[in-house]
Amino acid sequence: MDMTLLGSALALCLIFEGLMPFASPSLARRVYAQMLSLSERGLRTVGLVCVGGGIVLLQVIGRG
């Protein structure tokens, strides 16, 4: 794997993770508080959905 590609992917993750707290800190606090109140199973489900969505998105982008 090209380290430049990996670095770019990590940079994009940081950018996307920072968008909501930057754009709407109060909404970010509410979302994070809701995530903290989730059960372990619920949090794992959210993580699985995010991973699955990312894989699908990579497949769609890779074909374009």
Foldseek 3Di string as FASTA:
>chain_A
DDVVVVVVVVVVVVVVVVPCCVVPVVVVVVVVVVLVPDDPVVVVVVVVVVVVVVVVVVVVVVVD
